[in-house]
Amino acid sequence: MIEVDSSAIHAIDYDRQSGVLTVQFTSRETYAYEAVPPHVFDELRTAESVGRYFSEHIRDRYPYRRLTRN
């Protein structure tokens, strides 16, 4: 997991083979987003605002499942 500077997201991880993006929120809830293209992860990782990029380009656009609860 890569820790990020965000008030909403604590850390992110990405599996390039499966296209699964793992997002751990500051609440410590963790979700896996499926079929995320590599360029979307790269843009998320380098975004000026990770939370804003996530909200605009990932949330509600890719199928997801909850991995953990806080």
PDB file of N, CA and C in Angstrom:
ATOM      1  N   MET A   1       0.856  -1.190   0.000  1.00  0.00           N
ATOM      2  CA  MET A   1       0.000   0.000   0.000  1.00  0.00           C
ATOM      3  C   MET A   1       0.890   1.237   0.000  1.00  0.00           C
ATOM      4  N   ILE A   2       0.476   2.213  -0.757  1.00  0.00           N
ATOM      5  CA  ILE A   2       1.177   3.489  -0.841  1.00  0.00           C
ATOM      6  C   ILE A   2       0.354   4.509  -0.052  1.00  0.00           C
ATOM      7  N   GLU A   3       0.921   5.076   0.986  1.00  0.00           N
ATOM      8  CA  GLU A   3       0.217   6.118   1.727  1.00  0.00           C
ATOM      9  C   GLU A   3       0.152   7.375   0.867  1.00  0.00           C
ATOM     10  N   VAL A   4      -0.992   8.051   0.924  1.00  0.00           N
ATOM     11  CA  VAL A   4      -1.190   9.263   0.131  1.00  0.00           C
ATOM     12  C   VAL A   4      -1.562  10.425   1.038  1.00  0.00           C
ATOM     13  N   ASP A   5      -1.350  11.620   0.536  1.00  0.00           N
ATOM     14  CA  ASP A   5      -1.674  12.833   1.272  1.00  0.00           C
ATOM     15  C   ASP A   5      -3.100  13.237   0.917  1.00  0.00           C
ATOM     16  N   SER A   6      -4.041  12.794   1.738  1.00  0.00           N
ATOM     17  CA  SER A   6      -5.457  13.049   1.475  1.00  0.00           C
ATOM     18  C   SER A   6      -6.208  13.024   2.791  1.00  0.00           C
ATOM     19  N   SER A   7      -7.222  13.851   2.896  1.00  0.00           N
ATOM     20  CA  SER A   7      -8.039  13.846   4.109  1.00  0.00           C
ATOM     21  C   SER A   7      -9.055  12.710   4.094  1.00  0.00           C
ATOM     22  N   ALA A   8      -9.306  12.114   2.921  1.00  0.00           N
ATOM     23  CA  ALA A   8     -10.300  11.050   2.809  1.00  0.00           C
ATOM     24  C   ALA A   8      -9.682   9.669   2.600  1.00  0.00           C
ATOM     25  N   ILE A   9      -8.535   9.623   1.935  1.00  0.00           N
ATOM     26  CA  ILE A   9      -7.922   8.351   1.571  1.00  0.00           C
ATOM     27  C   ILE A   9      -6.584   8.209   2.273  1.00  0.00           C
ATOM     28  N   HIS A  10      -6.409   7.070   2.948  1.00  0.00           N
ATOM     29  CA  HIS A  10      -5.163   6.822   3.673  1.00  0.00           C
ATOM     30  C   HIS A  10      -4.093   6.211   2.765  1.00  0.00           C
ATOM     31  N   ALA A  11      -4.483   5.193   1.977  1.00  0.00           N
ATOM     32  CA  ALA A  11      -3.497   4.494   1.154  1.00  0.00           C
ATOM     33  C   ALA A  11      -4.171   3.836  -0.043  1.00  0.00           C
ATOM     34  N   ILE A  12      -3.357   3.586  -1.085  1.00  0.00           N
ATOM     35  CA  ILE A  12      -3.847   2.929  -2.289  1.00  0.00           C
ATOM     36  C   ILE A  12      -2.849   1.849  -2.712  1.00  0.00           C
ATOM     37  N   ASP A  13      -3.353   0.884  -3.464  1.00  0.00           N
ATOM     38  CA  ASP A  13      -2.498  -0.157  -4.027  1.00  0.00           C
ATOM     39  C   ASP A  13      -3.142  -0.593  -5.335  1.00  0.00           C
ATOM     40  N   TYR A  14      -2.340  -1.146  -6.225  1.00  0.00           N
ATOM     41  CA  TYR A  14      -2.861  -1.536  -7.532  1.00  0.00           C
ATOM     42  C   TYR A  14      -2.147  -2.784  -8.017  1.00  0.00           C
ATOM     43  N   ASP A  15      -2.919  -3.719  -8.523  1.00  0.00           N
ATOM     44  CA  ASP A  15      -2.379  -4.931  -9.138  1.00  0.00           C
ATOM     45  C   ASP A  15      -2.558  -4.786 -10.644  1.00  0.00           C
ATOM     46  N   ARG A  16      -1.462  -4.554 -11.349  1.00  0.00           N
ATOM     47  CA  ARG A  16      -1.525  -4.316 -12.794  1.00  0.00           C
ATOM     48  C   ARG A  16      -2.010  -5.538 -13.570  1.00  0.00           C
ATOM     49  N   GLN A  17      -1.770  -6.723 -13.071  1.00  0.00           N
ATOM     50  CA  GLN A  17      -2.223  -7.929 -13.782  1.00  0.00           C
ATOM     51  C   GLN A  17      -3.737  -8.093 -13.723  1.00  0.00           C
ATOM     52  N   SER A  18      -4.317  -7.865 -12.560  1.00  0.00           N
ATOM     53  CA  SER A  18      -5.760  -8.065 -12.408  1.00  0.00           C
ATOM     54  C   SER A  18      -6.567  -6.788 -12.615  1.00  0.00           C
ATOM     55  N   GLY A  19      -5.915  -5.633 -12.553  1.00  0.00           N
ATOM     56  CA  GLY A  19      -6.628  -4.366 -12.683  1.00  0.00           C
ATOM     57  C   GLY A  19      -7.406  -3.990 -11.436  1.00  0.00           C
ATOM     58  N   VAL A  20      -7.023  -4.558 -10.282  1.00  0.00           N
ATOM     59  CA  VAL A  20      -7.732  -4.262  -9.032  1.00  0.00           C
ATOM     60  C   VAL A  20      -7.014  -3.148  -8.281  1.00  0.00           C
ATOM     61  N   LEU A  21      -7.765  -2.092  -8.017  1.00  0.00           N
ATOM     62  CA  LEU A  21      -7.284  -0.957  -7.228  1.00  0.00           C
ATOM     63  C   LEU A  21      -7.826  -1.125  -5.813  1.00  0.00           C
ATOM     64  N   THR A  22      -6.952  -1.131  -4.828  1.00  0.00           N
ATOM     65  CA  THR A  22      -7.363  -1.223  -3.430  1.00  0.00           C
ATOM     66  C   THR A  22      -7.220   0.150  -2.803  1.00  0.00           C
ATOM     67  N   VAL A  23      -8.279   0.599  -2.146  1.00  0.00           N
ATOM     68  CA  VAL A  23      -8.299   1.921  -1.525  1.00  0.00           C
ATOM     69  C   VAL A  23      -8.635   1.757  -0.052  1.00  0.00           C
ATOM     70  N   GLN A  24      -7.747   2.262   0.801  1.00  0.00           N
ATOM     71  CA  GLN A  24      -8.012   2.285   2.236  1.00  0.00           C
ATOM     72  C   GLN A  24      -8.314   3.725   2.613  1.00  0.00           C
ATOM     73  N   PHE A  25      -9.512   3.947   3.098  1.00  0.00           N
ATOM     74  CA  PHE A  25      -9.940   5.284   3.475  1.00  0.00           C
ATOM     75  C   PHE A  25      -9.419   5.625   4.872  1.00  0.00           C
ATOM     76  N   THR A  26      -9.483   6.890   5.227  1.00  0.00           N
ATOM     77  CA  THR A  26      -8.993   7.303   6.543  1.00  0.00           C
ATOM     78  C   THR A  26      -9.822   6.670   7.658  1.00  0.00           C
ATOM     79  N   SER A  27     -11.028   6.235   7.353  1.00  0.00           N
ATOM     80  CA  SER A  27     -11.861   5.513   8.324  1.00  0.00           C
ATOM     81  C   SER A  27     -11.355   4.084   8.534  1.00  0.00           C
ATOM     82  N   ARG A  28     -10.366   3.681   7.723  1.00  0.00           N
ATOM     83  CA  ARG A  28      -9.751   2.350   7.705  1.00  0.00           C
ATOM     84  C   ARG A  28     -10.607   1.316   6.989  1.00  0.00           C
ATOM     85  N   GLU A  29     -11.742   1.730   6.438  1.00  0.00           N
ATOM     86  CA  GLU A  29     -12.490   0.825   5.572  1.00  0.00           C
ATOM     87  C   GLU A  29     -11.693   0.663   4.282  1.00  0.00           C
ATOM     88  N   THR A  30     -11.663  -0.571   3.763  1.00  0.00           N
ATOM     89  CA  THR A  30     -10.897  -0.847   2.563  1.00  0.00           C
ATOM     90  C   THR A  30     -11.802  -1.456   1.503  1.00  0.00           C
ATOM     91  N   TYR A  31     -11.661  -0.945   0.286  1.00  0.00           N
ATOM     92  CA  TYR A  31     -12.454  -1.399  -0.852  1.00  0.00           C
ATOM     93  C   TYR A  31     -11.545  -1.793  -1.998  1.00  0.00           C
ATOM     94  N   ALA A  32     -12.003  -2.764  -2.796  1.00  0.00           N
ATOM     95  CA  ALA A  32     -11.307  -3.167  -4.010  1.00  0.00           C
ATOM     96  C   ALA A  32     -12.171  -2.767  -5.199  1.00  0.00           C
ATOM     97  N   TYR A  33     -11.601  -2.004  -6.113  1.00  0.00           N
ATOM     98  CA  TYR A  33     -12.268  -1.561  -7.338  1.00  0.00           C
ATOM     99  C   TYR A  33     -11.702  -2.372  -8.490  1.00  0.00           C
ATOM    100  N   GLU A  34     -12.584  -2.974  -9.284  1.00  0.00           N
ATOM    101  CA  GLU A  34     -12.161  -3.909 -10.322  1.00  0.00           C
ATOM    102  C   GLU A  34     -12.163  -3.271 -11.706  1.00  0.00           C
ATOM    103  N   ALA A  35     -11.312  -3.824 -12.578  1.00  0.00           N
ATOM    104  CA  ALA A  35     -11.215  -3.421 -13.982  1.00  0.00           C
ATOM    105  C   ALA A  35     -10.767  -1.974 -14.145  1.00  0.00           C
ATOM    106  N   VAL A  36      -9.927  -1.519 -13.230  1.00  0.00           N
ATOM    107  CA  VAL A  36      -9.401  -0.150 -13.302  1.00  0.00           C
ATOM    108  C   VAL A  36      -8.171  -0.162 -14.219  1.00  0.00           C
ATOM    109  N   PRO A  37      -8.178   0.649 -15.286  1.00  0.00           N
ATOM    110  CA  PRO A  37      -7.027   0.675 -16.194  1.00  0.00           C
ATOM    111  C   PRO A  37      -5.778   1.232 -15.502  1.00  0.00           C
ATOM    112  N   PRO A  38      -4.601   0.781 -15.928  1.00  0.00           N
ATOM    113  CA  PRO A  38      -3.354   1.259 -15.314  1.00  0.00           C
ATOM    114  C   PRO A  38      -3.201   2.777 -15.326  1.00  0.00           C
ATOM    115  N   HIS A  39      -3.642   3.428 -16.403  1.00  0.00           N
ATOM    116  CA  HIS A  39      -3.467   4.886 -16.470  1.00  0.00           C
ATOM    117  C   HIS A  39      -4.313   5.606 -15.415  1.00  0.00           C
ATOM    118  N   VAL A  40      -5.436   5.019 -15.036  1.00  0.00           N
ATOM    119  CA  VAL A  40      -6.276   5.630 -13.999  1.00  0.00           C
ATOM    120  C   VAL A  40      -5.553   5.561 -12.657  1.00  0.00           C
ATOM    121  N   PHE A  41      -4.933   4.418 -12.354  1.00  0.00           N
ATOM    122  CA  PHE A  41      -4.152   4.333 -11.117  1.00  0.00           C
ATOM    123  C   PHE A  41      -2.994   5.323 -11.133  1.00  0.00           C
ATOM    124  N   ASP A  42      -2.275   5.407 -12.242  1.00  0.00           N
ATOM    125  CA  ASP A  42      -1.144   6.336 -12.334  1.00  0.00           C
ATOM    126  C   ASP A  42      -1.591   7.777 -12.130  1.00  0.00           C
ATOM    127  N   GLU A  43      -2.731   8.137 -12.716  1.00  0.00           N
ATOM    128  CA  GLU A  43      -3.263   9.492 -12.550  1.00  0.00           C
ATOM    129  C   GLU A  43      -3.713   9.732 -11.113  1.00  0.00           C
ATOM    130  N   LEU A  44      -4.323   8.723 -10.493  1.00  0.00           N
ATOM    131  CA  LEU A  44      -4.736   8.841  -9.086  1.00  0.00           C
ATOM    132  C   LEU A  44      -3.523   9.068  -8.199  1.00  0.00           C
ATOM    133  N   ARG A  45      -2.508   8.256  -8.401  1.00  0.00           N
ATOM    134  CA  ARG A  45      -1.301   8.311  -7.565  1.00  0.00           C
ATOM    135  C   ARG A  45      -0.602   9.669  -7.654  1.00  0.00           C
ATOM    136  N   THR A  46      -0.668  10.303  -8.809  1.00  0.00           N
ATOM    137  CA  THR A  46       0.040  11.570  -9.007  1.00  0.00           C
ATOM    138  C   THR A  46      -0.879  12.792  -8.984  1.00  0.00           C
ATOM    139  N   ALA A  47      -2.153  12.591  -8.683  1.00  0.00           N
ATOM    140  CA  ALA A  47      -3.110  13.699  -8.689  1.00  0.00           C
ATOM    141  C   ALA A  47      -2.780  14.730  -7.609  1.00  0.00           C
ATOM    142  N   GLU A  48      -3.050  15.978  -7.920  1.00  0.00           N
ATOM    143  CA  GLU A  48      -2.862  17.045  -6.935  1.00  0.00           C
ATOM    144  C   GLU A  48      -3.788  16.819  -5.740  1.00  0.00           C
ATOM    145  N   SER A  49      -5.018  16.362  -6.023  1.00  0.00           N
ATOM    146  CA  SER A  49      -5.970  16.014  -4.972  1.00  0.00           C
ATOM    147  C   SER A  49      -6.430  14.575  -5.215  1.00  0.00           C
ATOM    148  N   VAL A  50      -5.892  13.644  -4.433  1.00  0.00           N
ATOM    149  CA  VAL A  50      -6.222  12.231  -4.586  1.00  0.00           C
ATOM    150  C   VAL A  50      -7.717  11.999  -4.341  1.00  0.00           C
ATOM    151  N   GLY A  51      -8.262  12.635  -3.309  1.00  0.00           N
ATOM    152  CA  GLY A  51      -9.680  12.473  -2.998  1.00  0.00           C
ATOM    153  C   GLY A  51     -10.581  12.972  -4.108  1.00  0.00           C
ATOM    154  N   ARG A  52     -10.265  14.099  -4.683  1.00  0.00           N
ATOM    155  CA  ARG A  52     -11.073  14.662  -5.763  1.00  0.00           C
ATOM    156  C   ARG A  52     -10.979  13.770  -7.007  1.00  0.00           C
ATOM    157  N   TYR A  53      -9.763  13.334  -7.335  1.00  0.00           N
ATOM    158  CA  TYR A  53      -9.602  12.459  -8.502  1.00  0.00           C
ATOM    159  C   TYR A  53     -10.407  11.175  -8.303  1.00  0.00           C
ATOM    160  N   PHE A  54     -10.319  10.607  -7.112  1.00  0.00           N
ATOM    161  CA  PHE A  54     -11.071   9.386  -6.818  1.00  0.00           C
ATOM    162  C   PHE A  54     -12.569   9.613  -7.011  1.00  0.00           C
ATOM    163  N   SER A  55     -13.077  10.703  -6.465  1.00  0.00           N
ATOM    164  CA  SER A  55     -14.514  10.999  -6.566  1.00  0.00           C
ATOM    165  C   SER A  55     -14.961  11.211  -8.006  1.00  0.00           C
ATOM    166  N   GLU A  56     -14.128  11.877  -8.791  1.00  0.00           N
ATOM    167  CA  GLU A  56     -14.520  12.226 -10.157  1.00  0.00           C
ATOM    168  C   GLU A  56     -14.276  11.114 -11.173  1.00  0.00           C
ATOM    169  N   HIS A  57     -13.310  10.228 -10.935  1.00  0.00           N
ATOM    170  CA  HIS A  57     -12.914   9.271 -11.969  1.00  0.00           C
ATOM    171  C   HIS A  57     -13.034   7.800 -11.580  1.00  0.00           C
ATOM    172  N   ILE A  58     -13.254   7.504 -10.302  1.00  0.00           N
ATOM    173  CA  ILE A  58     -13.272   6.097  -9.888  1.00  0.00           C
ATOM    174  C   ILE A  58     -14.565   5.726  -9.174  1.00  0.00           C
ATOM    175  N   ARG A  59     -14.932   6.474  -8.158  1.00  0.00           N
ATOM    176  CA  ARG A  59     -16.151   6.154  -7.390  1.00  0.00           C
ATOM    177  C   ARG A  59     -17.356   6.093  -8.323  1.00  0.00           C
ATOM    178  N   ASP A  60     -18.151   5.072  -8.181  1.00  0.00           N
ATOM    179  CA  ASP A  60     -19.380   4.853  -8.964  1.00  0.00           C
ATOM    180  C   ASP A  60     -19.120   4.592 -10.448  1.00  0.00           C
ATOM    181  N   ARG A  61     -17.852   4.380 -10.840  1.00  0.00           N
ATOM    182  CA  ARG A  61     -17.552   4.074 -12.240  1.00  0.00           C
ATOM    183  C   ARG A  61     -17.048   2.648 -12.432  1.00  0.00           C
ATOM    184  N   TYR A  62     -16.559   2.046 -11.374  1.00  0.00           N
ATOM    185  CA  TYR A  62     -16.005   0.693 -11.449  1.00  0.00           C
ATOM    186  C   TYR A  62     -16.681  -0.185 -10.407  1.00  0.00           C
ATOM    187  N   PRO A  63     -16.884  -1.464 -10.733  1.00  0.00           N
ATOM    188  CA  PRO A  63     -17.456  -2.365  -9.728  1.00  0.00           C
ATOM    189  C   PRO A  63     -16.522  -2.479  -8.533  1.00  0.00           C
ATOM    190  N   TYR A  64     -17.092  -2.582  -7.358  1.00  0.00           N
ATOM    191  CA  TYR A  64     -16.258  -2.633  -6.154  1.00  0.00           C
ATOM    192  C   TYR A  64     -16.836  -3.589  -5.139  1.00  0.00           C
ATOM    193  N   ARG A  65     -15.995  -3.949  -4.200  1.00  0.00           N
ATOM    194  CA  ARG A  65     -16.427  -4.754  -3.050  1.00  0.00           C
ATOM    195  C   ARG A  65     -15.691  -4.274  -1.808  1.00  0.00           C
ATOM    196  N   ARG A  66     -16.380  -4.337  -0.702  1.00  0.00           N
ATOM    197  CA  ARG A  66     -15.771  -3.943   0.582  1.00  0.00           C
ATOM    198  C   ARG A  66     -14.926  -5.094   1.086  1.00  0.00           C
ATOM    199  N   LEU A  67     -13.691  -4.788   1.463  1.00  0.00           N
ATOM    200  CA  LEU A  67     -12.790  -5.809   2.000  1.00  0.00           C
ATOM    201  C   LEU A  67     -12.795  -5.823   3.518  1.00  0.00           C
ATOM    202  N   THR A  68     -12.844  -4.637   4.134  1.00  0.00           N
ATOM    203  CA  THR A  68     -12.830  -4.543   5.596  1.00  0.00           C
ATOM    204  C   THR A  68     -13.768  -3.420   6.032  1.00  0.00           C
ATOM    205  N   ARG A  69     -14.116  -3.500   7.296  1.00  0.00           N
ATOM    206  CA  ARG A  69     -14.887  -2.421   7.926  1.00  0.00           C
ATOM    207  C   ARG A  69     -14.069  -1.868   9.062  1.00  0.00           C
ATOM    208  N   ASN A  70     -14.352  -0.612   9.431  1.00  0.00           N
ATOM    209  CA  ASN A  70     -13.567  -0.015  10.537  1.00  0.00           C
ATOM    210  C   ASN A  70     -14.001  -0.575  11.870  1.00  0.00           C
TER     211      ASN A  70
END
